[in-house]
Amino acid sequence: MNTKQITAAVVLFAAAGAALAEAPYPPETKFVSTKTRAEVLAELKQAQAQGLITNGNNYPITVQPRSTLTRSQVISQLKPAATDSTYSGA
């Protein structure tokens, strides 16, 4: 009796697994490119020249804006902040 029940359960589970395996999730959609290989390579070279492409795990890529201040202007801005600090330590 036990072997009949075990066999029936195995057949039932196999049928349920096969039924679920038929429908891929997410549904597959065919990809159609609208660009040529030359256009993609040109975009890659442009992105590499701008520093937007990295090797390794250095994500996210952020482009640092260039400063318009000179070194002496930055130092003069830092001097008042160093003397008027409200930080009292831990």
C-alpha atoms as a PDB file:
ATOM      1  CA  MET A   1       0.000   0.000   0.000  1.00  0.00           C
ATOM      2  CA  ASN A   2       2.770   2.432   0.896  1.00  0.00           C
ATOM      3  CA  THR A   3       4.615   1.879  -2.356  1.00  0.00           C
ATOM      4  CA  LYS A   4       1.457   2.672  -4.317  1.00  0.00           C
ATOM      5  CA  GLN A   5       0.963   5.918  -2.424  1.00  0.00           C
ATOM      6  CA  ILE A   6       4.612   6.921  -2.778  1.00  0.00           C
ATOM      7  CA  THR A   7       4.546   6.128  -6.496  1.00  0.00           C
ATOM      8  CA  ALA A   8       1.363   8.137  -6.956  1.00  0.00           C
ATOM      9  CA  ALA A   9       2.841  11.101  -5.056  1.00  0.00           C
ATOM     10  CA  VAL A  10       6.026  11.039  -7.128  1.00  0.00           C
ATOM     11  CA  VAL A  11       4.022  10.919 -10.369  1.00  0.00           C
ATOM     12  CA  LEU A  12       1.785  13.761  -9.149  1.00  0.00           C
ATOM     13  CA  PHE A  13       4.740  15.979  -8.189  1.00  0.00           C
ATOM     14  CA  ALA A  14       6.509  15.239 -11.468  1.00  0.00           C
ATOM     15  CA  ALA A  15       3.406  16.199 -13.439  1.00  0.00           C
ATOM     16  CA  ALA A  16       2.997  19.427 -11.454  1.00  0.00           C
ATOM     17  CA  GLY A  17       6.664  20.336 -11.993  1.00  0.00           C
ATOM     18  CA  ALA A  18       6.405  19.668 -15.703  1.00  0.00           C
ATOM     19  CA  ALA A  19       3.299  21.854 -15.965  1.00  0.00           C
ATOM     20  CA  LEU A  20       5.063  24.783 -14.289  1.00  0.00           C
ATOM     21  CA  ALA A  21       8.216  24.356 -16.347  1.00  0.00           C
ATOM     22  CA  GLU A  22       6.432  25.004 -19.640  1.00  0.00           C
ATOM     23  CA  ALA A  23       5.813  28.736 -19.155  1.00  0.00           C
ATOM     24  CA  PRO A  24       9.034  30.777 -18.955  1.00  0.00           C
ATOM     25  CA  TYR A  25       9.011  33.741 -16.613  1.00  0.00           C
ATOM     26  CA  PRO A  26       9.446  36.514 -17.554  1.00  0.00           C
ATOM     27  CA  PRO A  27       8.076  35.909 -21.040  1.00  0.00           C
ATOM     28  CA  GLU A  28      10.824  35.846 -23.616  1.00  0.00           C
ATOM     29  CA  THR A  29      10.817  38.696 -26.099  1.00  0.00           C
ATOM     30  CA  LYS A  30      13.018  38.778 -29.160  1.00  0.00           C
ATOM     31  CA  PHE A  31      15.578  41.593 -29.165  1.00  0.00           C
ATOM     32  CA  VAL A  32      16.010  43.502 -32.413  1.00  0.00           C
ATOM     33  CA  SER A  33      18.812  46.043 -32.562  1.00  0.00           C
ATOM     34  CA  THR A  34      18.250  49.338 -34.327  1.00  0.00           C
ATOM     35  CA  LYS A  35      21.944  50.268 -34.488  1.00  0.00           C
ATOM     36  CA  THR A  36      24.773  48.935 -36.580  1.00  0.00           C
ATOM     37  CA  ARG A  37      27.939  47.472 -35.112  1.00  0.00           C
ATOM     38  CA  ALA A  38      29.887  50.547 -36.222  1.00  0.00           C
ATOM     39  CA  GLU A  39      27.471  52.872 -34.393  1.00  0.00           C
ATOM     40  CA  VAL A  40      27.773  50.854 -31.193  1.00  0.00           C
ATOM     41  CA  LEU A  41      31.577  50.865 -31.386  1.00  0.00           C
ATOM     42  CA  ALA A  42      31.591  54.632 -31.999  1.00  0.00           C
ATOM     43  CA  GLU A  43      29.400  55.176 -28.912  1.00  0.00           C
ATOM     44  CA  LEU A  44      31.710  52.930 -26.871  1.00  0.00           C
ATOM     45  CA  LYS A  45      34.808  54.879 -27.903  1.00  0.00           C
ATOM     46  CA  GLN A  46      33.088  58.166 -27.093  1.00  0.00           C
ATOM     47  CA  ALA A  47      32.019  56.915 -23.642  1.00  0.00           C
ATOM     48  CA  GLN A  48      35.548  55.651 -22.949  1.00  0.00           C
ATOM     49  CA  ALA A  49      36.984  59.040 -23.931  1.00  0.00           C
ATOM     50  CA  GLN A  50      34.586  60.767 -21.511  1.00  0.00           C
ATOM     51  CA  GLY A  51      35.515  58.387 -18.684  1.00  0.00           C
ATOM     52  CA  LEU A  52      32.063  56.816 -18.450  1.00  0.00           C
ATOM     53  CA  ILE A  53      33.259  53.240 -18.992  1.00  0.00           C
ATOM     54  CA  THR A  54      35.127  51.508 -16.203  1.00  0.00           C
ATOM     55  CA  ASN A  55      36.752  48.138 -15.701  1.00  0.00           C
ATOM     56  CA  GLY A  56      35.952  46.246 -12.533  1.00  0.00           C
ATOM     57  CA  ASN A  57      33.352  46.975  -9.887  1.00  0.00           C
ATOM     58  CA  ASN A  58      33.624  50.753  -9.732  1.00  0.00           C
ATOM     59  CA  TYR A  59      29.949  51.593  -9.975  1.00  0.00           C
ATOM     60  CA  PRO A  60      28.175  53.992 -10.055  1.00  0.00           C
ATOM     61  CA  ILE A  61      30.293  56.219 -12.234  1.00  0.00           C
ATOM     62  CA  THR A  62      30.021  59.869 -11.274  1.00  0.00           C
ATOM     63  CA  VAL A  63      31.665  62.617 -13.248  1.00  0.00           C
ATOM     64  CA  GLN A  64      33.231  65.219 -10.969  1.00  0.00           C
ATOM     65  CA  PRO A  65      32.590  68.811 -12.056  1.00  0.00           C
ATOM     66  CA  ARG A  66      35.608  71.027 -12.602  1.00  0.00           C
ATOM     67  CA  SER A  67      36.164  73.757 -10.026  1.00  0.00           C
ATOM     68  CA  THR A  68      36.346  77.357 -11.164  1.00  0.00           C
ATOM     69  CA  LEU A  69      38.128  78.473  -7.969  1.00  0.00           C
ATOM     70  CA  THR A  70      41.862  78.853  -7.624  1.00  0.00           C
ATOM     71  CA  ARG A  71      43.825  77.215  -4.823  1.00  0.00           C
ATOM     72  CA  SER A  72      44.207  80.506  -2.946  1.00  0.00           C
ATOM     73  CA  GLN A  73      40.441  81.147  -3.126  1.00  0.00           C
ATOM     74  CA  VAL A  74      39.693  77.723  -1.660  1.00  0.00           C
ATOM     75  CA  ILE A  75      42.211  78.259   1.162  1.00  0.00           C
ATOM     76  CA  SER A  76      40.731  81.668   1.968  1.00  0.00           C
ATOM     77  CA  GLN A  77      37.268  80.060   2.211  1.00  0.00           C
ATOM     78  CA  LEU A  78      38.555  77.383   4.588  1.00  0.00           C
ATOM     79  CA  LYS A  79      40.272  79.745   7.074  1.00  0.00           C
ATOM     80  CA  PRO A  80      37.079  81.210   8.623  1.00  0.00           C
ATOM     81  CA  ALA A  81      35.540  77.747   8.901  1.00  0.00           C
ATOM     82  CA  ALA A  82      38.564  76.430  10.795  1.00  0.00           C
ATOM     83  CA  THR A  83      38.394  79.183  13.453  1.00  0.00           C
ATOM     84  CA  ASP A  84      34.582  79.353  13.894  1.00  0.00           C
ATOM     85  CA  SER A  85      33.974  75.674  14.488  1.00  0.00           C
ATOM     86  CA  THR A  86      31.138  74.722  16.844  1.00  0.00           C
ATOM     87  CA  TYR A  87      32.401  71.161  17.172  1.00  0.00           C
ATOM     88  CA  SER A  88      33.465  70.461  20.744  1.00  0.00           C
ATOM     89  CA  GLY A  89      34.728  66.927  20.321  1.00  0.00           C
ATOM     90  CA  ALA A  90      33.398  63.617  21.469  1.00  0.00           C
END
